C-alpha atoms as a PDB file:
ATOM      1  CA  MET A   1     101.366  -4.887  63.110  1.00  0.00           C
ATOM      2  CA  ASP A   2      99.100  -1.704  61.551  1.00  0.00           C
ATOM      3  CA  ALA A   3      97.874  -1.471  57.941  1.00  0.00           C
ATOM      4  CA  ALA A   4     100.583   0.960  56.444  1.00  0.00           C
ATOM      5  CA  ASN A   5     103.243  -1.902  57.639  1.00  0.00           C
ATOM      6  CA  GLY A   6     101.851  -4.928  55.388  1.00  0.00           C
ATOM      7  CA  GLY A   7     101.126  -6.640  58.448  1.00  0.00           C
ATOM      8  CA  PRO A   8      98.227  -9.221  59.222  1.00  0.00           C
ATOM      9  CA  GLY A   9      95.289  -6.718  58.926  1.00  0.00           C
ATOM     10  CA  ASP A  10      96.217  -5.066  55.615  1.00  0.00           C
ATOM     11  CA  LEU A  11      96.339  -8.785  54.267  1.00  0.00           C
ATOM     12  CA  GLU A  12      92.712  -9.783  55.926  1.00  0.00           C
ATOM     13  CA  ASP A  13      91.629  -6.571  54.127  1.00  0.00           C
ATOM     14  CA  ILE A  14      92.540  -7.982  51.130  1.00  0.00           C
ATOM     15  CA  ALA A  15      91.026 -10.771  51.590  1.00  0.00           C
ATOM     16  CA  ALA A  16      87.716  -9.146  52.719  1.00  0.00           C
ATOM     17  CA  GLU A  17      87.708  -7.360  50.017  1.00  0.00           C
ATOM     18  CA  HIS A  18      88.921 -10.293  47.184  1.00  0.00           C
ATOM     19  CA  GLU A  19      85.432 -12.007  49.315  1.00  0.00           C
ATOM     20  CA  THR A  20      83.370  -9.197  48.140  1.00  0.00           C
ATOM     21  CA  ALA A  21      83.854  -8.719  44.701  1.00  0.00           C
ATOM     22  CA  MET A  22      83.772 -12.737  44.226  1.00  0.00           C
ATOM     23  CA  SER A  23      80.344 -12.446  45.304  1.00  0.00           C
ATOM     24  CA  GLU A  24      78.747  -9.339  43.779  1.00  0.00           C
ATOM     25  CA  THR A  25      80.822 -10.741  39.886  1.00  0.00           C
ATOM     26  CA  GLY A  26      80.095 -14.106  40.633  1.00  0.00           C
ATOM     27  CA  PRO A  27      81.973 -17.629  39.983  1.00  0.00           C
ATOM     28  CA  GLY A  28      81.581 -16.585  36.332  1.00  0.00           C
ATOM     29  CA  VAL A  29      84.573 -14.000  36.649  1.00  0.00           C
ATOM     30  CA  THR A  30      88.295 -14.720  36.616  1.00  0.00           C
ATOM     31  CA  GLY A  31      90.272 -12.155  36.255  1.00  0.00           C
ATOM     32  CA  ASN A  32      90.212 -10.603  39.836  1.00  0.00           C
ATOM     33  CA  GLY A  33      92.631 -13.649  41.204  1.00  0.00           C
ATOM     34  CA  ALA A  34      94.941 -12.961  38.633  1.00  0.00           C
ATOM     35  CA  GLY A  35      94.859  -9.424  40.266  1.00  0.00           C
ATOM     36  CA  LEU A  36      95.657 -10.341  43.968  1.00  0.00           C
ATOM     37  CA  GLU A  37      98.754 -12.145  43.130  1.00  0.00           C
ATOM     38  CA  THR A  38     100.410  -8.801  42.295  1.00  0.00           C
ATOM     39  CA  ALA A  39     100.055  -7.704  46.174  1.00  0.00           C
ATOM     40  CA  GLY A  40     103.334 -10.381  47.031  1.00  0.00           C
ATOM     41  CA  ASN A  41     102.981 -12.586  49.371  1.00  0.00           C
ATOM     42  CA  GLY A  42     102.527 -16.156  49.973  1.00  0.00           C
ATOM     43  CA  SER A  43      98.872 -15.733  51.993  1.00  0.00           C
ATOM     44  CA  GLU A  44      97.740 -13.276  49.022  1.00  0.00           C
ATOM     45  CA  SER A  45      98.689 -15.974  46.734  1.00  0.00           C
ATOM     46  CA  GLU A  46      96.202 -18.929  48.186  1.00  0.00           C
ATOM     47  CA  VAL A  47      94.046 -16.065  47.611  1.00  0.00           C
ATOM     48  CA  ALA A  48      94.868 -15.397  44.268  1.00  0.00           C
ATOM     49  CA  ALA A  49      95.328 -19.632  42.983  1.00  0.00           C
ATOM     50  CA  GLY A  50      91.964 -19.772  44.923  1.00  0.00           C
ATOM     51  CA  GLY A  51      90.005 -17.509  42.887  1.00  0.00           C
ATOM     52  CA  ALA A  52      91.375 -18.685  39.521  1.00  0.00           C
ATOM     53  CA  GLY A  53      90.515 -21.676  40.399  1.00  0.00           C
ATOM     54  CA  ALA A  54      87.249 -21.069  41.399  1.00  0.00           C
ATOM     55  CA  GLY A  55      86.872 -19.111  37.971  1.00  0.00           C
ATOM     56  CA  VAL A  56      88.816 -22.096  35.771  1.00  0.00           C
ATOM     57  CA  VAL A  57      85.987 -24.861  36.742  1.00  0.00           C
ATOM     58  CA  ALA A  58      82.930 -22.076  36.476  1.00  0.00           C
ATOM     59  CA  GLY A  59      84.546 -21.276  32.738  1.00  0.00           C
ATOM     60  CA  GLY A  60      86.062 -24.250  31.680  1.00  0.00           C
ATOM     61  CA  ALA A  61      83.083 -26.550  32.523  1.00  0.00           C
ATOM     62  CA  GLY A  62      80.036 -24.394  32.054  1.00  0.00           C
ATOM     63  CA  PRO A  63      76.594 -25.412  31.010  1.00  0.00           C
ATOM     64  CA  GLY A  64      78.643 -23.374  27.156  1.00  0.00           C
ATOM     65  CA  ALA A  65      81.234 -26.385  27.193  1.00  0.00           C
ATOM     66  CA  ALA A  66      78.740 -28.776  27.630  1.00  0.00           C
ATOM     67  CA  GLY A  67      76.242 -28.214  25.152  1.00  0.00           C
ATOM     68  CA  SER A  68      79.492 -28.050  22.735  1.00  0.00           C
ATOM     69  CA  GLY A  69      80.060 -31.163  23.215  1.00  0.00           C
ATOM     70  CA  ALA A  70      76.800 -32.501  23.260  1.00  0.00           C
ATOM     71  CA  GLY A  71      76.718 -30.642  19.750  1.00  0.00           C
ATOM     72  CA  LEU A  72      79.600 -32.667  18.519  1.00  0.00           C
ATOM     73  CA  GLU A  73      77.465 -35.925  19.849  1.00  0.00           C
ATOM     74  CA  ALA A  74      74.782 -35.117  17.768  1.00  0.00           C
ATOM     75  CA  GLY A  75      76.583 -34.071  14.451  1.00  0.00           C
ATOM     76  CA  LEU A  76      78.428 -37.347  15.205  1.00  0.00           C
ATOM     77  CA  GLU A  77      75.407 -39.498  15.584  1.00  0.00           C
ATOM     78  CA  ALA A  78      74.165 -37.745  12.720  1.00  0.00           C
ATOM     79  CA  ALA A  79      76.873 -38.076  10.321  1.00  0.00           C
ATOM     80  CA  GLY A  80      76.728 -42.755  11.194  1.00  0.00           C
ATOM     81  CA  ASP A  81      78.760 -45.279  11.966  1.00  0.00           C
ATOM     82  CA  GLY A  82      80.937 -44.728   9.347  1.00  0.00           C
ATOM     83  CA  SER A  83      78.528 -46.552   6.192  1.00  0.00           C
ATOM     84  CA  GLY A  84      77.393 -43.493   4.859  1.00  0.00           C
ATOM     85  CA  ALA A  85      73.819 -45.350   5.671  1.00  0.00           C
ATOM     86  CA  GLY A  86      72.686 -40.957   6.361  1.00  0.00           C
ATOM     87  CA  LEU A  87      74.552 -39.586   2.578  1.00  0.00           C
ATOM     88  CA  ARG A  88      71.531 -38.311  -0.585  1.00  0.00           C
ATOM     89  CA  VAL A  89      71.488 -40.735  -3.422  1.00  0.00           C
ATOM     90  CA  SER A  90      70.882 -39.724  -6.805  1.00  0.00           C
ATOM     91  CA  ASP A  91      69.140 -41.224  -9.724  1.00  0.00           C
ATOM     92  CA  ARG A  92      72.314 -43.373 -10.679  1.00  0.00           C
ATOM     93  CA  GLU A  93      72.258 -44.692  -7.070  1.00  0.00           C
ATOM     94  CA  ARG A  94      67.995 -45.201  -7.531  1.00  0.00           C
ATOM     95  CA  ASP A  95      68.487 -46.401 -10.656  1.00  0.00           C
ATOM     96  CA  ALA A  96      70.250 -49.874  -9.825  1.00  0.00           C
ATOM     97  CA  VAL A  97      68.708 -50.713  -7.865  1.00  0.00           C
ATOM     98  CA  VAL A  98      65.156 -50.176  -9.754  1.00  0.00           C
ATOM     99  CA  GLN A  99      67.212 -52.964 -11.887  1.00  0.00           C
ATOM    100  CA  ARG A 100      68.539 -54.627  -8.812  1.00  0.00           C
ATOM    101  CA  VAL A 101      64.924 -55.026  -8.080  1.00  0.00           C
ATOM    102  CA  GLN A 102      63.393 -56.297 -11.422  1.00  0.00           C
ATOM    103  CA  THR A 103      65.909 -58.935 -11.478  1.00  0.00           C
ATOM    104  CA  ALA A 104      65.144 -60.393  -8.791  1.00  0.00           C
ATOM    105  CA  PHE A 105      61.016 -59.702  -9.772  1.00  0.00           C
ATOM    106  CA  ALA A 106      62.032 -62.091 -12.965  1.00  0.00           C
ATOM    107  CA  GLU A 107      64.253 -64.730 -11.013  1.00  0.00           C
ATOM    108  CA  GLY A 108      60.483 -64.465  -8.939  1.00  0.00           C
ATOM    109  CA  ARG A 109      62.126 -63.733  -5.874  1.00  0.00           C
ATOM    110  CA  LEU A 110      59.829 -61.335  -5.162  1.00  0.00           C
ATOM    111  CA  ASP A 111      55.780 -61.793  -5.678  1.00  0.00           C
ATOM    112  CA  ASP A 112      53.974 -58.750  -7.026  1.00  0.00           C
ATOM    113  CA  THR A 113      53.543 -56.625  -4.412  1.00  0.00           C
ATOM    114  CA  GLU A 114      56.529 -56.988  -2.680  1.00  0.00           C
ATOM    115  CA  PHE A 115      57.873 -55.801  -6.402  1.00  0.00           C
ATOM    116  CA  ASP A 116      55.385 -53.159  -6.983  1.00  0.00           C
ATOM    117  CA  GLU A 117      56.477 -51.662  -3.082  1.00  0.00           C
ATOM    118  CA  ARG A 118      60.367 -51.970  -3.888  1.00  0.00           C
ATOM    119  CA  MET A 119      59.943 -50.220  -6.941  1.00  0.00           C
ATOM    120  CA  ARG A 120      58.163 -46.911  -4.652  1.00  0.00           C
ATOM    121  CA  ALA A 121      60.665 -47.077  -2.562  1.00  0.00           C
ATOM    122  CA  ALA A 122      63.742 -47.116  -4.294  1.00  0.00           C
ATOM    123  CA  LEU A 123      62.371 -43.970  -6.805  1.00  0.00           C
ATOM    124  CA  THR A 124      61.743 -41.814  -3.540  1.00  0.00           C
ATOM    125  CA  ALA A 125      64.151 -43.212  -1.878  1.00  0.00           C
ATOM    126  CA  ARG A 126      66.321 -39.915  -0.484  1.00  0.00           C
ATOM    127  CA  THR A 127      69.619 -41.918   2.051  1.00  0.00           C
ATOM    128  CA  ARG A 128      71.897 -44.507   1.503  1.00  0.00           C
ATOM    129  CA  GLY A 129      70.104 -46.643   3.953  1.00  0.00           C
ATOM    130  CA  ASP A 130      66.767 -46.038   2.620  1.00  0.00           C
ATOM    131  CA  LEU A 131      68.307 -48.326  -0.377  1.00  0.00           C
ATOM    132  CA  ASP A 132      70.087 -50.457   1.203  1.00  0.00           C
ATOM    133  CA  VAL A 133      67.259 -51.837   3.282  1.00  0.00           C
ATOM    134  CA  LEU A 134      65.820 -52.992  -0.042  1.00  0.00           C
ATOM    135  CA  LEU A 135      68.804 -55.299  -0.493  1.00  0.00           C
ATOM    136  CA  THR A 136      69.295 -56.883   2.304  1.00  0.00           C
ATOM    137  CA  ASP A 137      67.388 -60.333   1.793  1.00  0.00           C
ATOM    138  CA  LEU A 138      68.628 -60.363  -1.746  1.00  0.00           C
ATOM    139  CA  PRO A 139      72.062 -61.736  -3.417  1.00  0.00           C
ATOM    140  CA  ALA A 140      74.680 -59.636  -3.963  1.00  0.00           C
ATOM    141  CA  GLU A 141      74.757 -58.255  -7.183  1.00  0.00           C
ATOM    142  CA  THR A 142      76.970 -60.848  -9.635  1.00  0.00           C
ATOM    143  CA  ALA A 143      79.121 -59.095 -12.030  1.00  0.00           C
ATOM    144  CA  THR A 144      77.133 -58.865 -15.733  1.00  0.00           C
ATOM    145  CA  PRO A 145      78.131 -61.464 -18.633  1.00  0.00           C
ATOM    146  CA  ALA A 146      79.312 -60.120 -21.550  1.00  0.00           C
ATOM    147  CA  PRO A 147      77.192 -59.241 -24.309  1.00  0.00           C
ATOM    148  CA  THR A 148      76.477 -62.764 -26.631  1.00  0.00           C
ATOM    149  CA  PRO A 149      77.457 -61.820 -30.284  1.00  0.00           C
ATOM    150  CA  ALA A 150      74.492 -61.102 -32.839  1.00  0.00           C
ATOM    151  CA  THR A 151      73.980 -64.180 -34.624  1.00  0.00           C
ATOM    152  CA  ALA A 152      72.081 -64.093 -37.959  1.00  0.00           C
ATOM    153  CA  GLY A 153      67.609 -64.830 -38.038  1.00  0.00           C
ATOM    154  CA  ARG A 154      64.641 -64.006 -36.679  1.00  0.00           C
ATOM    155  CA  GLY A 155      64.127 -60.826 -34.097  1.00  0.00           C
ATOM    156  CA  PRO A 156      61.745 -60.209 -31.276  1.00  0.00           C
ATOM    157  CA  GLY A 157      58.675 -60.675 -32.339  1.00  0.00           C
ATOM    158  CA  ARG A 158      56.275 -57.093 -33.984  1.00  0.00           C
ATOM    159  CA  LEU A 159      52.895 -57.878 -33.936  1.00  0.00           C
ATOM    160  CA  ALA A 160      50.442 -60.586 -32.152  1.00  0.00           C
ATOM    161  CA  ILE A 161      46.801 -60.966 -33.356  1.00  0.00           C
ATOM    162  CA  ALA A 162      43.256 -62.629 -31.487  1.00  0.00           C
ATOM    163  CA  LEU A 163      40.297 -63.444 -32.882  1.00  0.00           C
ATOM    164  CA  LYS A 164      38.067 -64.358 -30.175  1.00  0.00           C
ATOM    165  CA  SER A 165      41.132 -65.501 -28.210  1.00  0.00           C
ATOM    166  CA  SER A 166      43.828 -64.051 -26.230  1.00  0.00           C
ATOM    167  CA  VAL A 167      47.421 -62.200 -26.235  1.00  0.00           C
ATOM    168  CA  ARG A 168      49.772 -62.745 -23.207  1.00  0.00           C
ATOM    169  CA  ARG A 169      53.353 -61.909 -23.082  1.00  0.00           C
ATOM    170  CA  GLY A 170      54.741 -61.113 -19.373  1.00  0.00           C
ATOM    171  CA  GLY A 171      58.492 -62.861 -17.528  1.00  0.00           C
ATOM    172  CA  ARG A 172      61.494 -62.016 -19.183  1.00  0.00           C
ATOM    173  CA  TRP A 173      61.055 -61.484 -23.050  1.00  0.00           C
ATOM    174  CA  ARG A 174      62.497 -58.809 -25.412  1.00  0.00           C
ATOM    175  CA  VAL A 175      60.432 -56.058 -26.349  1.00  0.00           C
ATOM    176  CA  PRO A 176      61.117 -54.609 -29.597  1.00  0.00           C
ATOM    177  CA  GLU A 177      61.539 -50.785 -30.555  1.00  0.00           C
ATOM    178  CA  ARG A 178      58.361 -51.068 -32.081  1.00  0.00           C
ATOM    179  CA  TYR A 179      55.026 -53.693 -31.259  1.00  0.00           C
ATOM    180  CA  THR A 180      51.349 -54.199 -32.229  1.00  0.00           C
ATOM    181  CA  THR A 181      48.614 -56.051 -31.462  1.00  0.00           C
ATOM    182  CA  VAL A 182      44.768 -56.431 -32.211  1.00  0.00           C
ATOM    183  CA  VAL A 183      42.788 -57.925 -29.977  1.00  0.00           C
ATOM    184  CA  TYR A 184      38.594 -59.055 -31.816  1.00  0.00           C
ATOM    185  CA  LYS A 185      36.242 -60.018 -29.083  1.00  0.00           C
ATOM    186  CA  GLY A 186      39.555 -61.783 -26.577  1.00  0.00           C
ATOM    187  CA  THR A 187      41.987 -59.983 -24.317  1.00  0.00           C
ATOM    188  CA  GLY A 188      45.479 -58.892 -24.288  1.00  0.00           C
ATOM    189  CA  TRP A 189      48.211 -58.848 -21.848  1.00  0.00           C
ATOM    190  CA  LEU A 190      51.303 -57.027 -22.047  1.00  0.00           C
ATOM    191  CA  ASP A 191      53.552 -57.294 -19.572  1.00  0.00           C
ATOM    192  CA  LEU A 192      56.874 -54.923 -19.635  1.00  0.00           C
ATOM    193  CA  ARG A 193      57.708 -55.309 -15.756  1.00  0.00           C
ATOM    194  CA  ALA A 194      60.216 -57.537 -16.634  1.00  0.00           C
ATOM    195  CA  ALA A 195      61.381 -57.744 -20.209  1.00  0.00           C
ATOM    196  CA  GLU A 196      64.077 -56.288 -22.087  1.00  0.00           C
ATOM    197  CA  LEU A 197      63.387 -52.899 -23.766  1.00  0.00           C
ATOM    198  CA  SER A 198      65.058 -53.116 -26.789  1.00  0.00           C
ATOM    199  CA  GLY A 199      65.676 -49.014 -26.547  1.00  0.00           C
ATOM    200  CA  PRO A 200      64.999 -46.146 -25.052  1.00  0.00           C
ATOM    201  CA  VAL A 201      61.530 -45.394 -26.477  1.00  0.00           C
ATOM    202  CA  THR A 202      59.011 -48.882 -26.603  1.00  0.00           C
ATOM    203  CA  THR A 203      56.356 -47.919 -29.581  1.00  0.00           C
ATOM    204  CA  PHE A 204      52.786 -49.750 -28.805  1.00  0.00           C
ATOM    205  CA  VAL A 205      50.237 -49.764 -31.712  1.00  0.00           C
ATOM    206  CA  ALA A 206      46.980 -51.405 -29.809  1.00  0.00           C
ATOM    207  CA  VAL A 207      43.647 -52.301 -31.087  1.00  0.00           C
ATOM    208  CA  ALA A 208      40.867 -53.561 -29.062  1.00  0.00           C
ATOM    209  CA  TYR A 209      37.792 -54.351 -31.077  1.00  0.00           C
ATOM    210  CA  LYS A 210      35.162 -54.912 -27.977  1.00  0.00           C
ATOM    211  CA  SER A 211      37.842 -56.229 -26.282  1.00  0.00           C
ATOM    212  CA  ARG A 212      40.783 -55.491 -23.304  1.00  0.00           C
ATOM    213  CA  VAL A 213      44.212 -54.627 -23.888  1.00  0.00           C
ATOM    214  CA  THR A 214      46.122 -54.277 -20.062  1.00  0.00           C
ATOM    215  CA  ILE A 215      49.523 -52.970 -20.913  1.00  0.00           C
ATOM    216  CA  LEU A 216      51.657 -52.877 -17.278  1.00  0.00           C
ATOM    217  CA  VAL A 217      54.318 -50.987 -17.027  1.00  0.00           C
ATOM    218  CA  PRO A 218      56.913 -51.107 -13.837  1.00  0.00           C
ATOM    219  CA  PRO A 219      57.100 -47.848 -11.995  1.00  0.00           C
ATOM    220  CA  GLY A 220      60.311 -45.720 -12.767  1.00  0.00           C
ATOM    221  CA  VAL A 221      58.608 -45.328 -16.585  1.00  0.00           C
ATOM    222  CA  ARG A 222      58.061 -42.616 -18.070  1.00  0.00           C
ATOM    223  CA  VAL A 223      54.159 -43.069 -20.222  1.00  0.00           C
ATOM    224  CA  GLU A 224      53.098 -41.146 -22.741  1.00  0.00           C
ATOM    225  CA  MET A 225      49.425 -42.600 -24.512  1.00  0.00           C
ATOM    226  CA  THR A 226      48.245 -41.160 -27.791  1.00  0.00           C
ATOM    227  CA  GLY A 227      44.447 -42.432 -29.865  1.00  0.00           C
ATOM    228  CA  PHE A 228      41.066 -43.166 -29.101  1.00  0.00           C
ATOM    229  CA  GLY A 229      39.876 -45.418 -26.179  1.00  0.00           C
ATOM    230  CA  VAL A 230      43.218 -45.022 -23.869  1.00  0.00           C
ATOM    231  CA  THR A 231      43.125 -44.707 -20.096  1.00  0.00           C
ATOM    232  CA  GLN A 232      45.584 -45.079 -17.178  1.00  0.00           C
ATOM    233  CA  GLY A 233      45.018 -46.217 -14.227  1.00  0.00           C
ATOM    234  CA  ALA A 234      44.252 -43.231 -11.667  1.00  0.00           C
ATOM    235  CA  ASP A 235      47.023 -43.842  -9.148  1.00  0.00           C
ATOM    236  CA  GLU A 236      49.106 -43.357 -12.609  1.00  0.00           C
ATOM    237  CA  GLU A 237      48.628 -39.358 -12.843  1.00  0.00           C
ATOM    238  CA  ASP A 238      50.747 -38.629  -9.294  1.00  0.00           C
ATOM    239  CA  PRO A 239      52.780 -41.586  -8.541  1.00  0.00           C
ATOM    240  CA  GLY A 240      54.324 -39.780  -6.026  1.00  0.00           C
ATOM    241  CA  TYR A 241      57.962 -39.490  -7.548  1.00  0.00           C
ATOM    242  CA  ARG A 242      59.698 -37.774  -9.561  1.00  0.00           C
ATOM    243  CA  LEU A 243      61.286 -39.293 -13.336  1.00  0.00           C
ATOM    244  CA  PRO A 244      64.386 -39.690 -13.922  1.00  0.00           C
ATOM    245  CA  THR A 245      66.019 -37.160 -17.130  1.00  0.00           C
ATOM    246  CA  ASP A 246      66.922 -40.889 -18.739  1.00  0.00           C
ATOM    247  CA  ALA A 247      63.989 -43.335 -17.457  1.00  0.00           C
ATOM    248  CA  PRO A 248      62.599 -45.244 -20.085  1.00  0.00           C
ATOM    249  CA  VAL A 249      59.393 -44.048 -23.029  1.00  0.00           C
ATOM    250  CA  ILE A 250      56.846 -46.411 -23.275  1.00  0.00           C
ATOM    251  CA  HIS A 251      54.291 -45.017 -26.156  1.00  0.00           C
ATOM    252  CA  VAL A 252      51.601 -46.258 -26.572  1.00  0.00           C
ATOM    253  CA  ARG A 253      48.575 -45.764 -29.382  1.00  0.00           C
ATOM    254  CA  GLY A 254      45.449 -47.129 -29.158  1.00  0.00           C
ATOM    255  CA  VAL A 255      42.333 -47.734 -30.332  1.00  0.00           C
ATOM    256  CA  ALA A 256      39.539 -49.146 -28.455  1.00  0.00           C
ATOM    257  CA  TYR A 257      35.655 -49.767 -30.375  1.00  0.00           C
ATOM    258  CA  LYS A 258      33.685 -51.304 -27.471  1.00  0.00           C
ATOM    259  CA  GLY A 259      36.307 -51.370 -25.413  1.00  0.00           C
ATOM    260  CA  THR A 260      39.514 -50.685 -23.496  1.00  0.00           C
ATOM    261  CA  VAL A 261      43.318 -50.064 -23.846  1.00  0.00           C
ATOM    262  CA  GLU A 262      44.753 -49.989 -20.713  1.00  0.00           C
ATOM    263  CA  ILE A 263      48.219 -48.880 -19.201  1.00  0.00           C
ATOM    264  CA  THR A 264      49.069 -49.787 -15.506  1.00  0.00           C
ATOM    265  CA  THR A 265      51.751 -50.046 -13.684  1.00  0.00           C
ATOM    266  CA  ARG A 266      50.101 -52.116 -10.700  1.00  0.00           C
ATOM    267  CA  PRO A 267      48.232 -55.898 -11.861  1.00  0.00           C
ATOM    268  CA  PRO A 268      44.616 -56.437 -10.763  1.00  0.00           C
ATOM    269  CA  GLU A 269      44.031 -57.728  -7.160  1.00  0.00           C
ATOM    270  CA  ARG A 270      43.442 -61.296  -7.313  1.00  0.00           C
ATOM    271  CA  PRO A 271      40.322 -62.465  -6.009  1.00  0.00           C
ATOM    272  CA  ALA A 272      40.520 -64.554  -2.308  1.00  0.00           C
ATOM    273  CA  LEU A 273      40.527 -68.460  -2.624  1.00  0.00           C
ATOM    274  CA  HIS A 274      37.442 -69.738  -0.358  1.00  0.00           C
ATOM    275  CA  ARG A 275      37.705 -72.781   0.895  1.00  0.00           C
END
């Protein structure tokens, strides 16, 4: 038959034109297959189906779809395994971990170095995962016992005097809102890392006559100093973390004559033992 009667010659011409169009437009073009289906007979439908199939494979399973799947998978991995370890933490959450680390230190579970490292890590933590790792080897938090009713009697000591001797306070001790220490030709050591502060603002009055008085505060405490001969450790000027707005305040009023009143967050290094 000739092409006018719709014979094989006509079909061969249509198929040849379709193959030429596919080679010119590339495997990503899918519109030509649908156009060939309108021509009529089964042979043309097979050709159209072949063209449509190639278009579906090229369009549906192409690099764009694979890239989208990879992005979704990366997003799911970034979100974590459902534990929320990648979520950002608030100042309240940091403060809760700081209190648990302080309790562990007061109980003797952490030494000076571990306490300092974990306190600073808690204050600079960004995600829940950063905080969780600080508590993995510590016991679970227990319910806070109900406060015992106040009984009549003497409160925490407010005055300590040392004449050619020393004043030392540390561990778990209750600190009044105002505490005064006077040291004459001796030493003073006031460790507040595991202490219980009576209020949000604690005032220390320290007098050192030919003496050295050291006030050791935990990281995360805002320190204010006034007086004569009062110094602060070089590392405390820029601790590397932002203090919360409700951080406890330690106000030190000191007077030192041929001596020093020092505030620091790091205990002095202990000399190595010689065998």
